[in-house]
Amino acid sequence: MAPTIHRIGIIQNNPLPGDFPNNLRAIVQGYRDCIDHGAELVIAPAEALCGLNPQDLAERDSFERQTRRALDALSRELGTAPLILGAYFRFIGEDDLWDGMLGEDDGEEDDPQELRRKRRRAALVPYLLESDTVTELDDGAVTEVNGCNIYVQLGEEDILPDGPDFDLLVHLSCRPWHATAAADLQDTLGWEATTNGVPVVMCAPVGTAGRDIYAGGSFILSAEGKPLLRLPFFEPAAKVADVDKGRPCAALPEPRELLRQALQRGIADTVRNNGYTGVCIPLDHPNGTLLAALCTGALGAAHVCGVTFAQGESPLAAQLGITVRTPDAPPQPAGKDNPALQARMRAMLTAAVADELGHMLLCPLGRREIMLGEFTPYAETCGSLAPLGNLYEMDLHMLRALLQEENAQLFGALTEPAQPEVDRIIHELADRNVPPTDLIANCGGLFPEDVVRRIQRRMIAAALKRTILPTILHVDAPAEQLHFPVAHRLND
């Protein structure tokens, strides 16, 4: 490490897409906190200024103008310590321009300026900000900052940089969180640190964008791959570490605690970012109590309302302190016993309670129910968010066990999920895209053919039902694994 930079500050904020004033304010506050603790270089997440995953918003002229103004304003707030972060910048490649001009349907060339406007793309670009100076950097290149050669990269790819030597490796993470991501990332960047013999900084944002959750948990590793500093997961923070004299920091939280925090972060952000005052939960579903406990931790008991059609006082009101409503049971049609109709009418009454309170209605379904079609359309699927829809039965059991340690009366006696092999078969077929024939042949009789075929048929039959589901938080696997398969993809 070059002697000119010893103390490095990292910021992780909760940036909203296009909310430049508040995003800028959070960065400035974090920067000042780092300066107050002696930082000589400050690093913020790639999307700290523009917001998480702005999608096509980043391709608008107004967004680009706001980005440039915000970068200029941020540079004017800086002191002696430089700041590295990312921002969206629009570009157009020569190949795109040439292909577009030759590909017009009417055979006539478009106006070059108009074509440029149509085919521009937005991409994250790293920036170096100093007092009144904004410098665009090349992604995956070395830049000199106060006598220190810094390699800046967007993402965490385990590709060793080529070219000149460097003294510090900086990753501006853009990836959503999922289970096992934290440990895998630390192992990968620890290998980079030891291979290159330099400290490594990983800076990530906190927040929720659509289905994806961003965890934060930014850290600094020594040249020996030892963690010197770790910011909290799922919370905005700013801290400083001395890469020469830093002491090893605490170990990673256990996986089930991180999963709990991820769900609570996703619930809280989705509710607040969409203007709701709280959540409404159907307590009669088997996952209702678990969902109520998670939402109480995310939003506070005052912002959680449970709805039950069971007569008598609900124990959750006393155990969690939440509000519990018991609407009048819907009338039974004369001479008919129609469970699906009753389920839909109860969902309608639950939605009416949510509308009355200004709350977001939550869907309690888990992944096994969703994949096997074990639900009534427009009944259990009612709601704007399904926080548990990405979790298998064993995941839900793990969360119940964690919450049971804090409140022994919450779930009563816990039992292991029945038929755990069903989750594994669904995972292989849906998440890993393994053909049923291969699954039967390669698992040494672990999964009987009749069981695999039955699950295959049920997943195919439920494909259309899955199209009406609400938003599902991605917490259990990388996002690329979580698109629900269409019916024909499940065939051999």
Protein backbone atom coordinates (compact mmCIF):
# COMPACT_ATOMS: atom_id res chain seq x y z
CA MET A 1 0.00 0.00 0.00
CA ALA A 2 1.33 3.39 -0.93
CA PRO A 3 2.16 5.48 2.14
CA THR A 4 -0.10 8.34 1.01
CA ILE A 5 -3.37 6.52 1.88
CA HIS A 6 -3.72 4.59 5.12
CA ARG A 7 -7.27 5.26 6.34
CA ILE A 8 -10.17 4.34 4.05
CA GLY A 9 -13.80 5.19 4.70
CA ILE A 10 -16.74 3.32 3.20
CA ILE A 11 -20.34 4.45 2.94
CA GLN A 12 -23.41 2.30 2.36
CA ASN A 13 -26.66 4.20 1.92
CA ASN A 14 -30.22 3.30 0.91
CA PRO A 15 -30.57 5.08 -2.47
CA LEU A 16 -33.94 5.47 -4.18
CA PRO A 17 -34.06 5.66 -8.01
CA GLY A 18 -34.07 9.28 -9.16
CA ASP A 19 -34.23 10.72 -5.62
CA PHE A 20 -31.09 12.79 -6.13
CA PRO A 21 -31.63 15.28 -3.25
CA ASN A 22 -31.95 12.63 -0.53
CA ASN A 23 -29.33 10.33 -2.06
CA LEU A 24 -26.90 13.25 -2.27
CA ARG A 25 -27.66 14.25 1.31
CA ALA A 26 -26.95 10.71 2.58
CA ILE A 27 -23.61 10.56 0.73
CA VAL A 28 -22.51 13.95 2.05
CA GLN A 29 -23.42 12.96 5.61
CA GLY A 30 -21.55 9.67 5.30
CA TYR A 31 -18.56 11.44 3.75
CA ARG A 32 -18.39 13.93 6.62
CA ASP A 33 -18.61 11.13 9.17
CA CYS A 34 -15.66 9.43 7.49
CA ILE A 35 -13.66 12.68 7.33
CA ASP A 36 -14.30 13.25 11.03
CA HIS A 37 -12.65 9.87 11.68
CA GLY A 38 -9.58 10.65 9.62
CA ALA A 39 -10.43 9.08 6.23
CA GLU A 40 -7.95 9.85 3.43
CA LEU A 41 -10.09 8.14 0.78
CA VAL A 42 -13.87 7.55 0.84
CA ILE A 43 -15.73 4.96 -1.24
CA ALA A 44 -19.50 4.84 -1.85
CA PRO A 45 -21.61 2.25 -3.71
CA ALA A 46 -21.98 2.24 -7.48
CA GLU A 47 -25.66 3.27 -7.30
CA ALA A 48 -25.37 5.52 -4.25
CA LEU A 49 -26.29 8.68 -6.17
CA CYS A 50 -28.70 7.54 -8.90
CA GLY A 51 -30.60 4.90 -6.94
CA LEU A 52 -30.98 1.14 -7.10
CA ASN A 53 -31.79 -0.31 -10.52
CA PRO A 54 -33.45 2.73 -12.17
CA GLN A 55 -34.05 0.67 -15.35
CA ASP A 56 -35.24 2.77 -18.32
CA LEU A 57 -35.37 5.87 -16.13
CA ALA A 58 -31.58 6.05 -16.55
CA GLU A 59 -31.98 6.45 -20.34
CA ARG A 60 -33.91 9.73 -20.14
CA ASP A 61 -32.30 13.05 -20.93
CA SER A 62 -33.58 14.52 -17.67
CA PHE A 63 -31.99 11.70 -15.64
CA GLU A 64 -28.61 12.30 -17.24
CA ARG A 65 -28.82 16.04 -16.58
CA GLN A 66 -29.78 15.43 -12.96
CA THR A 67 -26.89 12.96 -12.58
CA ARG A 68 -24.35 15.45 -13.87
CA ARG A 69 -25.70 18.24 -11.68
CA ALA A 70 -25.66 15.94 -8.65
CA LEU A 71 -22.05 14.90 -9.34
CA ASP A 72 -21.01 18.55 -9.62
CA ALA A 73 -22.88 19.43 -6.42
CA LEU A 74 -21.29 16.49 -4.61
CA SER A 75 -17.79 17.51 -5.71
CA ARG A 76 -18.35 20.98 -4.23
CA GLU A 77 -19.08 19.39 -0.83
CA LEU A 78 -15.79 17.47 -0.68
CA GLY A 79 -12.77 18.28 1.38
CA THR A 80 -9.25 16.91 0.98
CA ALA A 81 -10.24 13.23 0.75
CA PRO A 82 -11.24 12.01 -2.74
CA LEU A 83 -14.49 10.08 -3.21
CA ILE A 84 -15.02 7.06 -5.50
CA LEU A 85 -18.53 5.99 -6.50
CA GLY A 86 -20.56 5.04 -9.56
CA ALA A 87 -23.24 6.77 -11.64
CA TYR A 88 -25.28 6.00 -14.74
CA PHE A 89 -24.05 7.36 -18.04
CA ARG A 90 -25.65 6.89 -21.47
CA PHE A 91 -23.62 5.72 -24.41
CA ILE A 92 -24.06 4.50 -27.98
CA GLY A 93 -21.68 2.11 -29.68
CA GLU A 94 -20.54 2.52 -33.28
CA ASP A 95 -21.78 -0.97 -34.15
CA ASP A 96 -25.23 -0.19 -32.77
CA LEU A 97 -25.37 3.02 -34.76
CA TRP A 98 -24.27 1.31 -37.98
CA ASP A 99 -26.64 -1.66 -37.54
CA GLY A 100 -29.53 0.65 -36.78
CA MET A 101 -28.96 2.78 -39.86
CA LEU A 102 -28.88 -0.30 -42.11
CA GLY A 103 -31.83 -1.98 -40.46
CA GLU A 104 -34.59 0.53 -41.17
CA ASP A 105 -37.73 -1.18 -42.43
CA ASP A 106 -38.51 1.48 -45.01
CA GLY A 107 -35.02 1.40 -46.51
CA GLU A 108 -34.42 5.06 -45.68
CA GLU A 109 -31.70 6.24 -43.35
CA ASP A 110 -32.88 7.85 -40.18
CA ASP A 111 -31.58 11.17 -39.00
CA PRO A 112 -28.32 10.37 -37.12
CA GLN A 113 -29.29 12.49 -34.13
CA GLU A 114 -32.70 10.86 -33.88
CA LEU A 115 -31.15 7.41 -34.25
CA ARG A 116 -28.68 8.23 -31.52
CA ARG A 117 -31.52 9.23 -29.24
CA LYS A 118 -33.37 5.96 -29.93
CA ARG A 119 -30.45 3.60 -29.41
CA ARG A 120 -28.68 5.07 -26.42
CA ARG A 121 -28.08 2.76 -23.49
CA ALA A 122 -27.42 3.50 -19.84
CA ALA A 123 -24.57 1.85 -17.97
CA LEU A 124 -22.89 2.27 -14.61
CA VAL A 125 -19.58 4.10 -14.76
CA PRO A 126 -17.09 4.66 -11.89
CA TYR A 127 -16.23 8.24 -11.00
CA LEU A 128 -13.48 9.89 -8.99
CA LEU A 129 -14.63 13.07 -7.25
CA GLU A 130 -12.27 15.60 -5.74
CA SER A 131 -12.93 19.15 -4.61
CA ASP A 132 -14.78 20.81 -7.56
CA THR A 133 -13.56 18.08 -9.92
CA VAL A 134 -15.43 15.13 -11.45
CA THR A 135 -13.41 12.52 -13.37
CA GLU A 136 -14.92 9.58 -15.22
CA LEU A 137 -12.90 6.38 -14.76
CA ASP A 138 -12.63 3.26 -16.89
CA ASP A 139 -14.25 0.21 -15.36
CA GLY A 140 -11.58 -2.37 -14.60
CA ALA A 141 -8.62 -0.03 -14.87
CA VAL A 142 -5.97 1.48 -12.61
CA THR A 143 -6.15 5.12 -11.61
CA GLU A 144 -3.70 7.13 -9.50
CA VAL A 145 -5.14 8.88 -6.44
CA ASN A 146 -2.78 10.84 -4.20
CA GLY A 147 0.14 8.64 -5.14
CA CYS A 148 -1.82 5.39 -4.67
CA ASN A 149 -2.64 3.17 -7.67
CA ILE A 150 -6.24 1.99 -7.30
CA TYR A 151 -7.92 -0.65 -9.43
CA VAL A 152 -11.67 0.11 -9.59
CA GLN A 153 -14.15 -2.51 -10.75
CA LEU A 154 -17.95 -2.59 -10.88
CA GLY A 155 -19.04 -5.96 -9.53
CA GLU A 156 -17.13 -8.78 -7.85
CA GLU A 157 -15.90 -10.94 -10.72
CA ASP A 158 -12.91 -13.06 -9.78
CA ILE A 159 -10.84 -11.91 -12.77
CA LEU A 160 -7.32 -10.78 -12.01
CA PRO A 161 -6.64 -7.34 -13.50
CA ASP A 162 -4.01 -6.96 -16.19
CA GLY A 163 -1.66 -4.05 -16.70
CA PRO A 164 0.33 -2.00 -14.21
CA ASP A 165 0.72 -2.80 -10.54
CA PHE A 166 -1.79 -1.41 -8.09
CA ASP A 167 -1.94 -0.80 -4.35
CA LEU A 168 -5.67 -1.15 -3.66
CA LEU A 169 -8.50 -3.13 -5.27
CA VAL A 170 -11.99 -1.55 -5.08
CA HIS A 171 -15.22 -3.38 -5.96
CA LEU A 172 -18.39 -1.29 -6.29
CA SER A 173 -20.96 -4.05 -5.93
CA CYS A 174 -24.17 -4.01 -7.98
CA ARG A 175 -25.49 -7.49 -7.17
CA PRO A 176 -28.62 -8.24 -5.13
CA TRP A 177 -28.31 -10.34 -1.99
CA HIS A 178 -29.30 -13.98 -1.72
CA ALA A 179 -28.64 -16.75 0.77
CA THR A 180 -24.93 -17.76 0.93
CA ALA A 181 -23.96 -14.64 -1.06
CA ALA A 182 -22.10 -13.00 1.84
CA ALA A 183 -19.82 -15.94 2.60
CA ASP A 184 -19.16 -16.68 -1.08
CA LEU A 185 -18.26 -13.06 -1.79
CA GLN A 186 -15.88 -12.78 1.14
CA ASP A 187 -14.12 -15.99 0.07
CA THR A 188 -13.78 -14.75 -3.53
CA LEU A 189 -12.42 -11.33 -2.60
CA GLY A 190 -10.18 -12.83 0.06
CA TRP A 191 -8.60 -14.92 -2.68
CA GLU A 192 -8.14 -11.76 -4.77
CA ALA A 193 -6.48 -9.98 -1.84
CA THR A 194 -3.98 -12.75 -1.18
CA THR A 195 -3.30 -13.36 -4.88
CA ASN A 196 -2.55 -9.71 -5.58
CA GLY A 197 -1.04 -8.93 -2.17
CA VAL A 198 -3.12 -5.75 -1.72
CA PRO A 199 -6.09 -4.70 0.44
CA VAL A 200 -9.55 -5.11 -1.09
CA VAL A 201 -12.57 -2.89 -0.53
CA MET A 202 -16.12 -4.04 -1.31
CA CYS A 203 -18.77 -1.32 -1.09
CA ALA A 204 -22.46 -2.19 -1.54
CA PRO A 205 -25.77 -0.34 -1.06
CA VAL A 206 -28.72 -1.18 1.17
CA GLY A 207 -32.33 -1.35 0.04
CA THR A 208 -34.96 -3.03 -2.10
CA ALA A 209 -35.67 -2.61 -5.81
CA GLY A 210 -38.65 -4.57 -7.08
CA ARG A 211 -38.02 -8.21 -6.19
CA ASP A 212 -34.34 -7.75 -5.30
CA ILE A 213 -32.83 -6.92 -1.91
CA TYR A 214 -29.43 -5.26 -1.48
CA ALA A 215 -27.68 -6.14 1.74
CA GLY A 216 -24.86 -3.69 2.32
CA GLY A 217 -22.41 -5.51 4.56
CA SER A 218 -19.54 -3.59 2.93
CA PHE A 219 -16.09 -4.62 4.10
CA ILE A 220 -12.35 -4.07 3.83
CA LEU A 221 -9.90 -6.97 3.64
CA SER A 222 -6.21 -6.80 4.44
CA ALA A 223 -3.56 -7.92 1.94
CA GLU A 224 -3.68 -11.27 3.77
CA GLY A 225 -7.42 -11.62 3.09
CA LYS A 226 -8.46 -10.92 6.71
CA PRO A 227 -11.54 -8.71 7.26
CA LEU A 228 -10.51 -5.42 8.90
CA LEU A 229 -13.90 -3.69 8.80
CA ARG A 230 -17.46 -4.77 8.13
CA LEU A 231 -20.47 -2.49 8.00
CA PRO A 232 -23.80 -3.87 9.26
CA PHE A 233 -26.05 -5.80 6.92
CA PHE A 234 -29.30 -4.19 5.71
CA GLU A 235 -28.63 -0.86 7.46
CA PRO A 236 -27.10 2.41 6.20
CA ALA A 237 -23.73 3.15 7.82
CA ALA A 238 -20.34 4.77 7.32
CA LYS A 239 -17.04 3.76 8.96
CA VAL A 240 -13.27 4.09 8.56
CA ALA A 241 -10.51 1.47 8.79
CA ASP A 242 -6.72 1.74 8.88
CA VAL A 243 -5.48 -0.82 6.36
CA ASP A 244 -2.06 -0.92 8.04
CA LYS A 245 -3.11 -1.24 11.68
CA GLY A 246 -6.66 -2.51 11.52
CA ARG A 247 -7.76 -5.40 13.71
CA PRO A 248 -9.80 -8.33 12.44
CA CYS A 249 -13.53 -7.65 12.69
CA ALA A 250 -16.37 -9.89 13.78
CA ALA A 251 -17.39 -12.97 11.82
CA LEU A 252 -20.35 -13.03 9.48
CA PRO A 253 -23.79 -13.40 11.09
CA GLU A 254 -25.30 -16.86 10.88
CA PRO A 255 -27.31 -17.58 7.69
CA ARG A 256 -30.76 -17.77 9.29
CA GLU A 257 -30.24 -14.38 10.97
CA LEU A 258 -29.21 -12.85 7.65
CA LEU A 259 -32.31 -14.36 6.03
CA ARG A 260 -34.51 -12.84 8.72
CA GLN A 261 -32.87 -9.44 8.23
CA ALA A 262 -33.23 -9.68 4.45
CA LEU A 263 -36.95 -10.38 4.66
CA GLN A 264 -37.51 -7.58 7.15
CA ARG A 265 -35.56 -5.14 4.98
CA GLY A 266 -37.53 -6.16 1.89
CA ILE A 267 -40.88 -5.85 3.65
CA ALA A 268 -40.08 -2.48 5.22
CA ASP A 269 -38.75 -0.94 2.01
CA THR A 270 -41.59 -2.23 -0.18
CA VAL A 271 -44.26 -0.97 2.21
CA ARG A 272 -42.75 2.47 2.76
CA ASN A 273 -41.59 3.08 -0.80
CA ASN A 274 -45.13 2.45 -2.06
CA GLY A 275 -46.79 4.80 0.41
CA TYR A 276 -48.54 2.31 2.70
CA THR A 277 -48.86 2.83 6.45
CA GLY A 278 -48.43 -0.83 7.39
CA VAL A 279 -49.33 -4.38 6.42
CA CYS A 280 -52.39 -6.60 6.65
CA ILE A 281 -51.84 -10.37 7.07
CA PRO A 282 -54.26 -13.33 6.69
CA LEU A 283 -53.54 -15.10 9.98
CA ASP A 284 -55.56 -18.23 9.20
CA HIS A 285 -52.95 -19.38 6.70
CA PRO A 286 -50.27 -21.74 8.15
CA ASN A 287 -47.60 -19.10 7.43
CA GLY A 288 -49.66 -16.26 8.93
CA THR A 289 -48.00 -16.29 12.36
CA LEU A 290 -44.49 -16.38 10.87
CA LEU A 291 -45.32 -13.51 8.55
CA ALA A 292 -46.80 -11.48 11.43
CA ALA A 293 -43.65 -11.96 13.52
CA LEU A 294 -41.37 -10.90 10.64
CA CYS A 295 -43.49 -7.84 9.88
CA THR A 296 -43.52 -6.82 13.55
CA GLY A 297 -39.72 -6.80 13.49
CA ALA A 298 -39.67 -4.90 10.20
CA LEU A 299 -42.31 -2.24 10.84
CA GLY A 300 -43.22 -2.33 14.52
CA ALA A 301 -46.36 -3.86 16.03
CA ALA A 302 -48.38 -0.66 15.56
CA HIS A 303 -48.12 -1.04 11.78
CA VAL A 304 -49.20 -4.70 11.58
CA CYS A 305 -52.81 -5.89 11.43
CA GLY A 306 -53.80 -9.55 11.31
CA VAL A 307 -57.15 -10.75 10.00
CA THR A 308 -58.68 -14.02 11.22
CA PHE A 309 -62.09 -15.61 10.83
CA ALA A 310 -61.56 -17.91 13.82
CA GLN A 311 -63.82 -17.11 16.74
CA GLY A 312 -62.30 -16.10 20.07
CA GLU A 313 -59.41 -13.89 21.05
CA SER A 314 -56.23 -14.28 19.00
CA PRO A 315 -53.11 -15.01 21.11
CA LEU A 316 -50.97 -13.04 18.64
CA ALA A 317 -52.49 -9.78 19.85
CA ALA A 318 -50.88 -10.34 23.26
CA GLN A 319 -47.73 -12.13 22.07
CA LEU A 320 -46.71 -9.64 19.37
CA GLY A 321 -48.77 -6.58 20.30
CA ILE A 322 -50.32 -6.37 16.84
CA THR A 323 -53.90 -5.44 15.99
CA VAL A 324 -56.14 -8.39 15.13
CA ARG A 325 -59.45 -8.01 13.28
CA THR A 326 -62.19 -10.64 13.02
CA PRO A 327 -64.65 -9.76 10.24
CA ASP A 328 -68.02 -11.43 10.04
CA ALA A 329 -67.75 -14.73 8.20
CA PRO A 330 -68.96 -14.53 4.60
CA PRO A 331 -72.40 -16.06 4.00
CA GLN A 332 -72.59 -19.62 2.72
CA PRO A 333 -74.50 -19.90 -0.59
CA ALA A 334 -77.71 -21.84 -0.03
CA GLY A 335 -77.39 -25.53 -0.77
CA LYS A 336 -73.76 -25.29 -1.86
CA ASP A 337 -70.46 -26.21 -0.24
CA ASN A 338 -67.86 -24.34 -2.29
CA PRO A 339 -64.50 -23.99 -0.48
CA ALA A 340 -62.94 -21.98 -3.31
CA LEU A 341 -65.78 -19.46 -3.21
CA GLN A 342 -65.50 -19.18 0.56
CA ALA A 343 -61.73 -18.64 0.32
CA ARG A 344 -62.19 -15.87 -2.25
CA MET A 345 -64.87 -14.14 -0.18
CA ARG A 346 -62.63 -14.23 2.89
CA ALA A 347 -59.79 -12.76 0.83
CA MET A 348 -62.12 -9.99 -0.31
CA LEU A 349 -63.06 -9.14 3.28
CA THR A 350 -59.38 -9.18 4.29
CA ALA A 351 -58.56 -6.83 1.43
CA ALA A 352 -61.35 -4.51 2.61
CA VAL A 353 -59.70 -4.29 6.04
CA ALA A 354 -56.36 -3.48 4.39
CA ASP A 355 -57.97 -0.74 2.28
CA GLU A 356 -59.69 0.73 5.32
CA LEU A 357 -56.38 0.99 7.20
CA GLY A 358 -54.25 2.08 4.23
CA HIS A 359 -52.17 -1.09 4.66
CA MET A 360 -50.50 -3.31 2.08
CA LEU A 361 -52.11 -6.74 1.89
CA LEU A 362 -49.51 -9.53 2.02
CA CYS A 363 -49.72 -12.94 0.39
CA PRO A 364 -48.61 -15.75 2.80
CA LEU A 365 -47.70 -18.43 0.23
CA GLY A 366 -44.36 -20.27 0.31
CA ARG A 367 -42.47 -21.71 -2.64
CA ARG A 368 -43.70 -25.32 -2.32
CA GLU A 369 -47.35 -24.18 -2.39
CA ILE A 370 -46.65 -21.91 -5.35
CA MET A 371 -44.83 -24.48 -7.45
CA LEU A 372 -47.35 -27.27 -6.79
CA GLY A 373 -50.38 -25.03 -7.21
CA GLU A 374 -51.60 -25.63 -3.64
CA PHE A 375 -53.62 -22.42 -3.53
CA THR A 376 -56.87 -20.94 -4.80
CA PRO A 377 -56.44 -18.19 -7.41
CA TYR A 378 -57.74 -14.81 -6.23
CA ALA A 379 -57.85 -16.08 -2.64
CA GLU A 380 -54.43 -16.76 -1.09
CA THR A 381 -52.84 -14.94 -4.04
CA CYS A 382 -54.51 -11.65 -3.11
CA GLY A 383 -52.01 -9.01 -2.06
CA SER A 384 -49.21 -6.88 -3.43
CA LEU A 385 -46.23 -8.73 -1.95
CA ALA A 386 -45.40 -12.37 -1.15
CA PRO A 387 -42.38 -12.10 1.19
CA LEU A 388 -42.12 -15.89 1.71
CA GLY A 389 -42.74 -16.94 -1.89
CA ASN A 390 -39.08 -17.76 -2.53
CA LEU A 391 -38.68 -19.98 0.56
CA TYR A 392 -39.09 -23.74 0.81
CA GLU A 393 -40.59 -25.51 3.82
CA MET A 394 -37.19 -26.11 5.45
CA ASP A 395 -36.37 -22.38 5.14
CA LEU A 396 -39.66 -21.51 6.82
CA HIS A 397 -38.99 -24.04 9.58
CA MET A 398 -35.55 -22.51 10.15
CA LEU A 399 -37.11 -19.05 10.54
CA ARG A 400 -39.75 -20.35 12.94
CA ALA A 401 -37.04 -21.96 15.06
CA LEU A 402 -35.12 -18.68 15.20
CA LEU A 403 -38.18 -16.68 16.23
CA GLN A 404 -39.18 -19.40 18.71
CA GLU A 405 -35.92 -18.77 20.58
CA GLU A 406 -37.09 -15.19 21.19
CA ASN A 407 -40.74 -16.00 21.93
CA ALA A 408 -41.24 -19.56 23.14
CA GLN A 409 -45.05 -19.35 22.92
CA LEU A 410 -45.22 -18.11 19.35
CA PHE A 411 -45.53 -21.38 17.41
CA GLY A 412 -46.03 -24.02 20.06
CA ALA A 413 -44.28 -27.33 19.42
CA LEU A 414 -42.30 -27.19 16.18
CA THR A 415 -42.07 -30.26 13.98
CA GLU A 416 -39.85 -30.92 10.98
CA PRO A 417 -41.51 -30.32 7.59
CA ALA A 418 -43.18 -33.39 6.12
CA GLN A 419 -41.73 -34.90 2.94
CA PRO A 420 -38.52 -32.83 2.72
CA GLU A 421 -37.65 -34.63 -0.53
CA VAL A 422 -40.46 -32.71 -2.26
CA ASP A 423 -38.57 -29.44 -1.82
CA ARG A 424 -35.42 -30.99 -3.24
CA ILE A 425 -37.25 -32.31 -6.30
CA ILE A 426 -38.87 -28.93 -6.94
CA HIS A 427 -35.49 -27.25 -6.57
CA GLU A 428 -33.85 -29.58 -9.08
CA LEU A 429 -36.65 -29.29 -11.64
CA ALA A 430 -37.48 -25.59 -11.32
CA ASP A 431 -34.35 -23.84 -10.06
CA ARG A 432 -31.62 -25.97 -11.63
CA ASN A 433 -33.60 -26.93 -14.75
CA VAL A 434 -32.68 -30.63 -14.43
CA PRO A 435 -34.83 -32.85 -16.72
CA PRO A 436 -36.96 -35.33 -14.71
CA THR A 437 -35.40 -38.32 -16.48
CA ASP A 438 -31.90 -37.19 -15.47
CA LEU A 439 -33.04 -36.57 -11.90
CA ILE A 440 -34.44 -40.09 -11.64
CA ALA A 441 -31.45 -41.75 -13.29
CA ASN A 442 -28.63 -39.86 -11.54
CA CYS A 443 -29.80 -39.80 -7.92
CA GLY A 444 -29.32 -43.49 -7.16
CA GLY A 445 -32.95 -44.18 -6.27
CA LEU A 446 -33.11 -41.28 -3.81
CA PHE A 447 -36.13 -39.88 -5.64
CA PRO A 448 -38.62 -42.58 -6.75
CA GLU A 449 -39.88 -42.15 -10.29
CA ASP A 450 -43.54 -42.03 -9.31
CA VAL A 451 -42.87 -39.16 -6.87
CA VAL A 452 -40.83 -37.17 -9.40
CA ARG A 453 -43.45 -37.66 -12.11
CA ARG A 454 -46.29 -36.65 -9.80
CA ILE A 455 -44.49 -33.43 -8.83
CA GLN A 456 -43.64 -32.79 -12.49
CA ARG A 457 -47.31 -33.09 -13.49
CA ARG A 458 -48.46 -30.82 -10.68
CA MET A 459 -45.90 -28.15 -11.53
CA ILE A 460 -46.95 -28.21 -15.18
CA ALA A 461 -50.63 -28.00 -14.25
CA ALA A 462 -49.96 -25.00 -11.97
CA ALA A 463 -48.00 -22.99 -14.55
CA LEU A 464 -50.95 -20.80 -15.50
CA LYS A 465 -51.95 -20.25 -11.86
CA ARG A 466 -48.49 -18.87 -11.13
CA THR A 467 -48.98 -16.00 -13.59
CA ILE A 468 -51.29 -14.15 -11.17
CA LEU A 469 -48.90 -14.09 -8.21
CA PRO A 470 -47.88 -10.82 -6.53
CA THR A 471 -44.28 -9.63 -6.26
CA ILE A 472 -42.01 -12.22 -4.64
CA LEU A 473 -38.83 -11.17 -2.83
CA HIS A 474 -35.67 -12.87 -4.11
CA VAL A 475 -33.82 -14.08 -1.03
CA ASP A 476 -32.94 -17.76 -1.42
CA ALA A 477 -30.93 -17.98 -4.66
CA PRO A 478 -29.40 -15.83 -7.38
CA ALA A 479 -32.07 -13.97 -9.33
CA GLU A 480 -31.29 -15.80 -12.57
CA GLN A 481 -32.58 -19.05 -11.01
CA LEU A 482 -35.87 -17.68 -9.83
CA HIS A 483 -37.98 -17.15 -12.92
CA PHE A 484 -40.91 -19.54 -12.74
CA PRO A 485 -40.66 -22.18 -15.46
CA VAL A 486 -43.35 -22.34 -18.11
CA ALA A 487 -45.06 -25.67 -18.62
CA HIS A 488 -43.06 -26.94 -21.58
CA ARG A 489 -39.74 -26.29 -19.84
CA LEU A 490 -40.64 -28.89 -17.25
CA ASN A 491 -40.96 -31.63 -19.88
CA ASP A 492 -38.23 -34.18 -20.57
